[in-house]
N, C-alpha and C. Protein backbone atom coordinates (compact mmCIF):
# COMPACT_ATOMS: atom_id res chain seq x y z
N UNK A 1 -0.41 9.26 19.14
CA UNK A 1 0.38 8.50 18.65
C UNK A 1 -0.32 8.47 16.95
N UNK A 2 -0.42 8.99 16.21
CA UNK A 2 -1.83 9.33 14.82
C UNK A 2 -0.65 10.31 14.69
N UNK A 3 -0.17 11.20 14.88
CA UNK A 3 0.42 12.38 14.52
C UNK A 3 2.17 11.67 14.18
N UNK A 4 2.11 10.62 14.96
CA UNK A 4 3.91 10.35 14.56
C UNK A 4 3.89 9.18 13.56
N UNK A 5 2.75 8.61 13.26
CA UNK A 5 2.84 8.03 11.84
C UNK A 5 2.32 8.71 11.04
N UNK A 6 2.01 9.37 10.90
CA UNK A 6 1.61 9.93 10.03
C UNK A 6 3.00 11.40 9.21
N UNK A 7 3.94 11.30 10.15
CA UNK A 7 5.07 12.32 9.95
C UNK A 7 5.69 10.67 9.47
N UNK A 8 5.74 10.18 9.55
CA UNK A 8 6.67 9.13 9.66
C UNK A 8 6.41 8.58 8.26
N UNK A 9 5.10 8.80 7.83
CA UNK A 9 5.06 8.12 6.33
C UNK A 9 5.36 9.47 5.13
N UNK A 10 5.54 10.89 5.94
CA UNK A 10 5.64 11.57 5.45
C UNK A 10 6.89 11.86 4.82
N UNK A 11 8.22 11.48 5.67
CA UNK A 11 9.28 11.46 5.92
C UNK A 11 10.11 10.11 4.92
N UNK A 12 9.15 9.62 5.22
CA UNK A 12 9.31 8.39 4.27
C UNK A 12 9.39 8.18 2.86
N UNK A 13 8.65 8.86 2.42
CA UNK A 13 8.01 9.27 0.80
C UNK A 13 8.81 10.58 0.47
N UNK A 14 9.08 11.45 0.88
CA UNK A 14 9.76 12.73 0.85
C UNK A 14 11.33 11.58 0.38
N UNK A 15 12.23 11.82 1.57
CA UNK A 15 13.93 10.74 1.67
C UNK A 15 13.95 9.81 0.20
N UNK A 16 12.63 8.80 0.63
CA UNK A 16 12.30 7.95 -1.29
C UNK A 16 12.42 8.99 -2.16
N UNK A 17 11.47 9.95 -2.51
CA UNK A 17 11.25 10.60 -3.77
C UNK A 17 12.75 11.34 -3.92
N UNK A 18 13.75 12.55 -2.94
CA UNK A 18 14.86 12.79 -3.01
C UNK A 18 15.55 11.64 -3.39
N UNK A 19 16.11 10.59 -2.81
CA UNK A 19 17.22 9.42 -3.04
C UNK A 19 17.10 8.96 -4.32
N UNK A 20 16.09 8.83 -4.76
CA UNK A 20 15.90 8.69 -6.47
C UNK A 20 16.85 10.00 -6.91
N UNK A 21 16.92 10.62 -6.49
CA UNK A 21 17.32 11.99 -8.16
C UNK A 21 18.90 11.62 -8.06
N UNK A 22 18.98 11.73 -9.51
CA UNK A 22 20.34 11.01 -9.84
C UNK A 22 20.80 9.48 -10.31
N UNK A 23 20.26 8.68 -10.00
CA UNK A 23 20.31 7.48 -10.37
C UNK A 23 19.61 6.95 -11.86
N UNK A 24 20.13 8.38 -12.33
CA UNK A 24 19.10 7.27 -13.96
C UNK A 24 20.26 6.91 -14.50
N UNK A 25 21.44 7.01 -13.77
CA UNK A 25 22.69 6.62 -14.95
C UNK A 25 23.77 7.85 -15.26
N UNK A 26 24.60 6.88 -16.03
CA UNK A 26 25.68 8.24 -16.66
C UNK A 26 25.26 9.17 -17.16
N UNK A 27 25.78 10.77 -16.77
CA UNK A 27 25.25 11.42 -17.64
C UNK A 27 25.86 11.49 -19.36
N UNK A 28 24.50 11.87 -20.27
CA UNK A 28 24.82 11.60 -21.31
C UNK A 28 25.63 13.85 -22.01
N UNK A 29 26.25 13.11 -22.75
CA UNK A 29 27.33 14.08 -23.31
C UNK A 29 27.33 14.32 -24.55
N UNK A 30 26.97 15.10 -25.34
CA UNK A 30 26.95 15.10 -26.80
C UNK A 30 28.15 15.64 -27.54
N UNK A 31 28.96 14.45 -28.02
CA UNK A 31 30.38 14.84 -28.23
C UNK A 31 30.92 15.63 -29.61
N UNK A 32 29.59 15.86 -30.88
CA UNK A 32 29.62 16.77 -31.42
C UNK A 32 30.37 18.19 -30.33
N UNK A 33 29.23 18.76 -29.40
CA UNK A 33 28.82 20.09 -29.06
C UNK A 33 30.43 19.90 -27.90
N UNK A 34 30.57 19.49 -27.19
CA UNK A 34 31.30 19.37 -26.28
C UNK A 34 32.25 18.17 -26.64
N UNK A 35 33.95 18.15 -27.17
CA UNK A 35 34.47 17.00 -27.60
C UNK A 35 35.07 16.30 -26.05
N UNK A 36 35.23 15.50 -25.56
CA UNK A 36 36.00 15.08 -24.15
C UNK A 36 37.74 14.94 -24.74
N UNK A 37 38.13 14.75 -23.78
CA UNK A 37 39.69 14.39 -24.29
C UNK A 37 39.65 13.45 -23.75
N UNK A 38 40.15 12.32 -24.73
CA UNK A 38 40.39 11.33 -24.29
C UNK A 38 41.12 10.69 -23.62
N UNK A 39 40.77 9.57 -22.43
CA UNK A 39 40.78 8.89 -21.44
C UNK A 39 41.74 7.65 -21.53
N UNK A 40 43.01 7.15 -21.15
CA UNK A 40 44.23 6.82 -21.03
C UNK A 40 43.90 5.45 -20.50
């Protein structure tokens, strides 16, 4: 039973750390170097 809890905690830590990737907001693109087409 102790192994189950250990695996569960490891899985929870890994899944929460991976789910946080990419949630920092919109991607910043510098307009001077990479001009973007105007959206309507």
